């Protein structure tokens, strides 16, 4: 079993920065892919950024490309999302997700992930 716990959300002004963390425990070794998704009230959960198997293959939604950076620590037990130049439209609950054996073609799919964190709220004021 895998447990994911997000932290680092909060309230920030437009143009500001936040760094989200996702601590993973349990069976996190091997060929796992990890990603960040977000969900706003009344909207579907959407892909933000993902990492497939190793730190070289990273993927971003067009809306965050150039502003957000996904990374993982050397021990591969914590996932990060550095968010810069935040906009009010970035306001959402952000979720960390993990998928054993994730392939590149599935990185953006919500249904590709088996494990999810509880989410952390990010609010960007204008």
Protein backbone atom coordinates (compact mmCIF):
# COMPACT_ATOMS: atom_id res chain seq x y z
CA UNK A 1 0.00 0.00 0.00
CA UNK A 2 1.07 3.58 -0.67
CA UNK A 3 0.28 6.70 1.33
CA UNK A 4 0.66 10.22 -0.07
CA UNK A 5 0.50 13.35 2.08
CA UNK A 6 0.59 16.82 0.50
CA UNK A 7 1.61 20.04 2.24
CA UNK A 8 2.63 23.58 1.38
CA UNK A 9 -0.64 25.06 0.18
CA UNK A 10 -1.92 28.41 1.34
CA UNK A 11 -2.98 31.91 0.38
CA UNK A 12 -0.71 33.97 -1.83
CA UNK A 13 -1.05 37.13 -3.88
CA UNK A 14 -1.02 37.10 -7.65
CA UNK A 15 2.57 36.90 -8.88
CA UNK A 16 3.74 35.10 -5.77
CA UNK A 17 5.19 31.64 -5.29
CA UNK A 18 4.45 28.47 -3.36
CA UNK A 19 6.16 25.12 -3.08
CA UNK A 20 4.03 22.03 -2.62
CA UNK A 21 5.42 18.81 -1.19
CA UNK A 22 4.10 15.26 -1.35
CA UNK A 23 5.56 12.76 1.09
CA UNK A 24 5.23 9.19 -0.10
CA UNK A 25 5.42 6.09 2.07
CA UNK A 26 4.85 2.42 1.51
CA UNK A 27 5.75 0.59 -1.68
CA UNK A 28 7.10 3.56 -3.64
CA UNK A 29 10.14 1.89 -5.18
CA UNK A 30 10.41 0.68 -8.73
CA UNK A 31 8.97 2.11 -11.91
CA UNK A 32 6.50 4.57 -10.47
CA UNK A 33 5.22 7.69 -12.12
CA UNK A 34 4.07 10.64 -10.05
CA UNK A 35 2.09 13.74 -10.86
CA UNK A 36 0.24 16.77 -9.59
CA UNK A 37 -3.40 17.38 -10.46
CA UNK A 38 -5.74 20.15 -9.38
CA UNK A 39 -9.46 20.65 -9.05
CA UNK A 40 -11.52 23.82 -8.73
CA UNK A 41 -15.17 23.90 -7.57
CA UNK A 42 -17.48 22.78 -10.34
CA UNK A 43 -14.62 21.64 -12.57
CA UNK A 44 -13.09 18.29 -13.36
CA UNK A 45 -9.75 17.30 -11.93
CA UNK A 46 -7.02 18.35 -14.35
CA UNK A 47 -3.42 17.41 -14.94
CA UNK A 48 -0.79 19.95 -13.86
CA UNK A 49 2.61 18.25 -14.05
CA UNK A 50 3.97 14.72 -14.11
CA UNK A 51 7.15 12.72 -13.94
CA UNK A 52 7.54 9.32 -15.55
CA UNK A 53 9.93 6.83 -13.92
CA UNK A 54 12.92 9.14 -13.77
CA UNK A 55 13.56 12.82 -13.35
CA UNK A 56 14.38 13.37 -17.02
CA UNK A 57 10.90 12.77 -18.36
CA UNK A 58 8.65 15.57 -17.10
CA UNK A 59 5.38 16.85 -18.51
CA UNK A 60 3.34 20.00 -17.94
CA UNK A 61 -0.06 21.36 -18.76
CA UNK A 62 0.16 24.26 -21.20
CA UNK A 63 -1.40 26.57 -18.62
CA UNK A 64 1.51 26.14 -16.18
CA UNK A 65 4.45 25.56 -18.52
CA UNK A 66 7.28 27.94 -17.73
CA UNK A 67 5.84 28.81 -14.32
CA UNK A 68 5.68 25.47 -12.47
CA UNK A 69 8.45 22.92 -11.95
CA UNK A 70 8.00 19.34 -10.79
CA UNK A 71 10.87 17.58 -9.06
CA UNK A 72 11.65 14.64 -6.80
CA UNK A 73 14.30 14.26 -4.13
CA UNK A 74 17.23 11.89 -4.45
CA UNK A 75 15.68 9.28 -2.21
CA UNK A 76 12.53 9.47 -4.36
CA UNK A 77 10.23 9.64 -1.41
CA UNK A 78 9.10 13.27 -1.76
CA UNK A 79 7.59 14.97 -4.81
CA UNK A 80 7.65 18.75 -5.17
CA UNK A 81 5.83 21.35 -7.23
CA UNK A 82 7.45 24.77 -7.34
CA UNK A 83 4.84 27.28 -8.44
CA UNK A 84 5.97 30.74 -9.54
CA UNK A 85 4.13 33.70 -11.05
CA UNK A 86 0.88 32.41 -9.62
CA UNK A 87 -2.40 33.62 -11.07
CA UNK A 88 -5.92 33.68 -9.61
CA UNK A 89 -6.88 30.94 -12.07
CA UNK A 90 -4.37 28.65 -10.36
CA UNK A 91 -6.65 28.58 -7.32
CA UNK A 92 -7.63 24.96 -6.66
CA UNK A 93 -7.11 21.95 -4.46
CA UNK A 94 -3.87 20.33 -5.56
CA UNK A 95 -3.49 16.56 -5.41
CA UNK A 96 -0.45 14.34 -5.58
CA UNK A 97 -0.86 11.03 -7.42
CA UNK A 98 1.22 7.91 -7.97
CA UNK A 99 1.01 5.17 -10.57
CA UNK A 100 3.12 2.01 -10.56
CA UNK A 101 4.47 1.30 -14.04
CA UNK A 102 3.15 4.56 -15.54
CA UNK A 103 3.82 4.97 -19.25
CA UNK A 104 4.38 8.27 -21.04
CA UNK A 105 1.15 8.15 -23.01
CA UNK A 106 -0.90 7.98 -19.80
CA UNK A 107 0.81 10.63 -17.70
CA UNK A 108 -2.00 13.18 -18.15
CA UNK A 109 -4.87 10.77 -17.46
CA UNK A 110 -6.62 10.89 -14.08
CA UNK A 111 -7.60 7.23 -14.37
CA UNK A 112 -3.97 6.15 -14.82
CA UNK A 113 -3.17 6.76 -11.15
CA UNK A 114 -3.85 4.28 -8.37
CA UNK A 115 -2.97 6.36 -5.32
CA UNK A 116 -3.97 9.88 -4.35
CA UNK A 117 -3.23 12.25 -1.51
CA UNK A 118 -5.88 14.16 0.41
CA UNK A 119 -5.15 17.43 -1.37
CA UNK A 120 -3.89 20.84 -0.31
CA UNK A 121 -5.68 24.13 -0.99
CA UNK A 122 -3.94 26.83 -3.01
CA UNK A 123 -5.64 30.21 -3.18
CA UNK A 124 -4.26 33.06 -5.28
CA UNK A 125 -5.74 36.49 -4.65
CA UNK A 126 -5.82 39.17 -7.31
